[in-house]
Amino acid sequence: MTTVENKNVIQGLISYKINENYIFVNLVETAEFNRGKKKMYVGVGGNLFAYACKISFDMGFEGYVSFKAKTALIEYYKES
């Protein structure tokens, strides 16, 4: 993911696999400068997951997306 203003700076990346009835997200990473309290942009990770949902809808999977959360992030995803 990049911004319109600067297409040469990667804000975040997503890796996903198209399965039979859903999208499986292998990995979502935000750039280091988009993490923590002093992040440049808020919501990079959420936008990447939203993109996976869009792909799921586009493929006729009704928005179904699956991923396996890292242990340390499970509570964060529950709250988000």
N, C-alpha and C. Protein backbone atom coordinates (compact mmCIF):
# COMPACT_ATOMS: atom_id res chain seq x y z
N MET A 1 0.84 -1.16 0.00
CA MET A 1 0.00 0.00 0.00
C MET A 1 0.90 1.24 0.00
N THR A 2 0.54 2.18 -0.82
CA THR A 2 1.23 3.45 -0.89
C THR A 2 0.21 4.58 -0.80
N THR A 3 0.68 5.80 -0.79
CA THR A 3 -0.23 6.94 -0.81
C THR A 3 -0.22 7.55 -2.22
N VAL A 4 -1.24 8.30 -2.51
CA VAL A 4 -1.32 8.99 -3.80
C VAL A 4 -0.16 9.98 -3.92
N GLU A 5 0.16 10.63 -2.79
CA GLU A 5 1.20 11.66 -2.79
C GLU A 5 2.59 11.09 -3.02
N ASN A 6 2.84 9.87 -2.56
CA ASN A 6 4.18 9.29 -2.69
C ASN A 6 4.08 7.79 -2.94
N LYS A 7 4.02 7.42 -4.20
CA LYS A 7 3.87 6.02 -4.59
C LYS A 7 5.16 5.22 -4.43
N ASN A 8 6.26 5.87 -4.08
CA ASN A 8 7.53 5.18 -3.91
C ASN A 8 7.79 4.74 -2.48
N VAL A 9 6.95 5.15 -1.53
CA VAL A 9 7.13 4.78 -0.13
C VAL A 9 6.04 3.78 0.25
N ILE A 10 6.45 2.59 0.64
CA ILE A 10 5.51 1.54 1.02
C ILE A 10 5.05 1.76 2.45
N GLN A 11 3.76 1.89 2.63
CA GLN A 11 3.17 2.09 3.96
C GLN A 11 2.85 0.77 4.64
N GLY A 12 2.57 -0.25 3.85
CA GLY A 12 2.25 -1.57 4.38
C GLY A 12 2.09 -2.57 3.24
N LEU A 13 2.17 -3.84 3.61
CA LEU A 13 2.07 -4.92 2.63
C LEU A 13 1.11 -5.99 3.13
N ILE A 14 0.49 -6.70 2.20
CA ILE A 14 -0.37 -7.83 2.54
C ILE A 14 -0.06 -8.98 1.59
N SER A 15 -0.05 -10.18 2.15
CA SER A 15 0.09 -11.40 1.37
C SER A 15 -1.15 -12.23 1.63
N TYR A 16 -1.81 -12.67 0.57
CA TYR A 16 -3.03 -13.46 0.76
C TYR A 16 -3.11 -14.55 -0.29
N LYS A 17 -3.94 -15.54 0.00
CA LYS A 17 -4.16 -16.67 -0.90
C LYS A 17 -5.66 -16.78 -1.16
N ILE A 18 -6.02 -16.99 -2.39
CA ILE A 18 -7.42 -17.19 -2.75
C ILE A 18 -7.73 -18.67 -2.60
N ASN A 19 -8.59 -19.00 -1.63
CA ASN A 19 -9.02 -20.37 -1.42
C ASN A 19 -10.36 -20.59 -2.10
N GLU A 20 -10.97 -21.74 -1.88
CA GLU A 20 -12.20 -22.08 -2.59
C GLU A 20 -13.36 -21.14 -2.27
N ASN A 21 -13.53 -20.75 -0.99
CA ASN A 21 -14.67 -19.92 -0.60
C ASN A 21 -14.29 -18.73 0.25
N TYR A 22 -13.02 -18.42 0.36
CA TYR A 22 -12.58 -17.33 1.22
C TYR A 22 -11.15 -16.92 0.87
N ILE A 23 -10.75 -15.80 1.42
CA ILE A 23 -9.37 -15.31 1.27
C ILE A 23 -8.63 -15.63 2.56
N PHE A 24 -7.47 -16.24 2.45
CA PHE A 24 -6.63 -16.47 3.63
C PHE A 24 -5.49 -15.47 3.61
N VAL A 25 -5.39 -14.67 4.67
CA VAL A 25 -4.33 -13.67 4.78
C VAL A 25 -3.13 -14.33 5.43
N ASN A 26 -2.05 -14.43 4.67
CA ASN A 26 -0.81 -15.03 5.19
C ASN A 26 -0.08 -14.07 6.11
N LEU A 27 -0.02 -12.81 5.69
CA LEU A 27 0.79 -11.83 6.42
C LEU A 27 0.30 -10.42 6.13
N VAL A 28 0.27 -9.60 7.16
CA VAL A 28 0.02 -8.16 7.03
C VAL A 28 1.12 -7.46 7.80
N GLU A 29 1.79 -6.54 7.16
CA GLU A 29 2.86 -5.79 7.81
C GLU A 29 2.70 -4.31 7.51
N THR A 30 2.84 -3.50 8.53
CA THR A 30 2.87 -2.06 8.33
C THR A 30 4.32 -1.60 8.42
N ALA A 31 4.63 -0.53 7.72
CA ALA A 31 5.99 0.01 7.78
C ALA A 31 6.30 0.42 9.21
N GLU A 32 7.55 0.34 9.59
CA GLU A 32 7.96 0.64 10.95
C GLU A 32 7.50 2.02 11.40
N PHE A 33 7.49 2.99 10.49
CA PHE A 33 7.08 4.35 10.85
C PHE A 33 5.57 4.49 10.98
N ASN A 34 4.83 3.40 10.75
CA ASN A 34 3.38 3.41 10.94
C ASN A 34 2.96 2.55 12.13
N ARG A 35 3.89 2.33 13.05
CA ARG A 35 3.62 1.55 14.27
C ARG A 35 3.82 2.43 15.50
N GLY A 36 3.14 2.07 16.56
CA GLY A 36 3.34 2.76 17.83
C GLY A 36 2.59 4.09 17.91
N LYS A 37 2.91 4.83 18.96
CA LYS A 37 2.20 6.08 19.23
C LYS A 37 2.55 7.20 18.26
N LYS A 38 3.72 7.16 17.66
CA LYS A 38 4.16 8.25 16.77
C LYS A 38 4.04 7.86 15.30
N LYS A 39 3.08 6.99 14.98
CA LYS A 39 2.93 6.54 13.60
C LYS A 39 2.57 7.68 12.66
N MET A 40 3.02 7.55 11.43
CA MET A 40 2.72 8.56 10.41
C MET A 40 1.26 8.48 10.00
N TYR A 41 0.76 7.28 9.75
CA TYR A 41 -0.63 7.08 9.35
C TYR A 41 -1.30 6.08 10.28
N VAL A 42 -2.52 6.37 10.67
CA VAL A 42 -3.32 5.47 11.49
C VAL A 42 -4.17 4.60 10.57
N GLY A 43 -4.28 3.31 10.88
CA GLY A 43 -5.20 2.45 10.14
C GLY A 43 -4.62 1.73 8.93
N VAL A 44 -3.31 1.70 8.80
CA VAL A 44 -2.72 1.02 7.64
C VAL A 44 -3.08 -0.47 7.66
N GLY A 45 -2.90 -1.12 8.81
CA GLY A 45 -3.24 -2.54 8.91
C GLY A 45 -4.70 -2.80 8.65
N GLY A 46 -5.55 -1.97 9.22
CA GLY A 46 -7.00 -2.12 9.01
C GLY A 46 -7.39 -1.96 7.55
N ASN A 47 -6.75 -1.04 6.87
CA ASN A 47 -7.02 -0.85 5.45
C ASN A 47 -6.56 -2.04 4.62
N LEU A 48 -5.47 -2.66 5.03
CA LEU A 48 -5.00 -3.85 4.31
C LEU A 48 -5.97 -5.01 4.49
N PHE A 49 -6.51 -5.17 5.71
CA PHE A 49 -7.53 -6.20 5.92
C PHE A 49 -8.80 -5.85 5.15
N ALA A 50 -9.15 -4.58 5.08
CA ALA A 50 -10.32 -4.16 4.29
C ALA A 50 -10.13 -4.52 2.82
N TYR A 51 -8.90 -4.37 2.33
CA TYR A 51 -8.60 -4.75 0.95
C TYR A 51 -8.83 -6.25 0.74
N ALA A 52 -8.41 -7.06 1.71
CA ALA A 52 -8.65 -8.51 1.61
C ALA A 52 -10.14 -8.79 1.57
N CYS A 53 -10.92 -8.06 2.36
CA CYS A 53 -12.38 -8.22 2.34
C CYS A 53 -12.95 -7.85 0.98
N LYS A 54 -12.44 -6.78 0.38
CA LYS A 54 -12.89 -6.36 -0.95
C LYS A 54 -12.61 -7.45 -1.98
N ILE A 55 -11.42 -8.02 -1.92
CA ILE A 55 -11.07 -9.10 -2.84
C ILE A 55 -12.04 -10.26 -2.65
N SER A 56 -12.36 -10.58 -1.38
CA SER A 56 -13.30 -11.65 -1.09
C SER A 56 -14.67 -11.36 -1.72
N PHE A 57 -15.16 -10.13 -1.56
CA PHE A 57 -16.43 -9.77 -2.20
C PHE A 57 -16.33 -9.86 -3.72
N ASP A 58 -15.24 -9.35 -4.27
CA ASP A 58 -15.05 -9.38 -5.73
C ASP A 58 -15.02 -10.80 -6.28
N MET A 59 -14.52 -11.75 -5.47
CA MET A 59 -14.43 -13.15 -5.90
C MET A 59 -15.74 -13.90 -5.65
N GLY A 60 -16.74 -13.22 -5.05
CA GLY A 60 -18.02 -13.86 -4.77
C GLY A 60 -18.02 -14.65 -3.47
N PHE A 61 -17.09 -14.34 -2.54
CA PHE A 61 -16.97 -15.07 -1.28
C PHE A 61 -17.68 -14.38 -0.13
N GLU A 62 -18.50 -13.36 -0.43
CA GLU A 62 -19.31 -12.65 0.56
C GLU A 62 -18.48 -11.97 1.66
N GLY A 63 -17.23 -11.68 1.39
CA GLY A 63 -16.40 -10.97 2.36
C GLY A 63 -15.66 -11.86 3.34
N TYR A 64 -15.77 -13.16 3.17
CA TYR A 64 -15.11 -14.06 4.11
C TYR A 64 -13.59 -13.99 3.96
N VAL A 65 -12.93 -13.74 5.12
CA VAL A 65 -11.48 -13.65 5.20
C VAL A 65 -11.04 -14.40 6.45
N SER A 66 -9.93 -15.11 6.35
CA SER A 66 -9.40 -15.85 7.48
C SER A 66 -7.94 -15.49 7.67
N PHE A 67 -7.48 -15.52 8.91
CA PHE A 67 -6.06 -15.33 9.20
C PHE A 67 -5.76 -15.95 10.54
N LYS A 68 -4.49 -16.22 10.79
CA LYS A 68 -4.05 -16.75 12.06
C LYS A 68 -3.26 -15.66 12.76
N ALA A 69 -3.77 -15.19 13.89
CA ALA A 69 -3.14 -14.08 14.60
C ALA A 69 -1.91 -14.56 15.37
N LYS A 70 -0.89 -13.70 15.40
CA LYS A 70 0.25 -13.95 16.27
C LYS A 70 -0.25 -13.90 17.70
N THR A 71 0.29 -14.73 18.55
CA THR A 71 -0.18 -14.83 19.94
C THR A 71 -0.25 -13.47 20.61
N ALA A 72 0.77 -12.65 20.45
CA ALA A 72 0.82 -11.35 21.13
C ALA A 72 -0.24 -10.38 20.61
N LEU A 73 -0.79 -10.63 19.44
CA LEU A 73 -1.74 -9.69 18.84
C LEU A 73 -3.20 -10.12 18.96
N ILE A 74 -3.47 -11.27 19.53
CA ILE A 74 -4.84 -11.77 19.60
C ILE A 74 -5.74 -10.78 20.33
N GLU A 75 -5.33 -10.30 21.49
CA GLU A 75 -6.14 -9.35 22.25
C GLU A 75 -6.34 -8.05 21.47
N TYR A 76 -5.29 -7.60 20.79
CA TYR A 76 -5.40 -6.38 19.98
C TYR A 76 -6.47 -6.55 18.90
N TYR A 77 -6.47 -7.69 18.20
CA TYR A 77 -7.45 -7.91 17.15
C TYR A 77 -8.86 -8.02 17.72
N LYS A 78 -9.01 -8.60 18.90
CA LYS A 78 -10.33 -8.68 19.53
C LYS A 78 -10.88 -7.30 19.81
N GLU A 79 -10.02 -6.40 20.27
CA GLU A 79 -10.45 -5.04 20.58
C GLU A 79 -10.68 -4.20 19.32
N SER A 80 -9.89 -4.44 18.29
CA SER A 80 -10.00 -3.65 17.05
C SER A 80 -11.20 -4.06 16.25
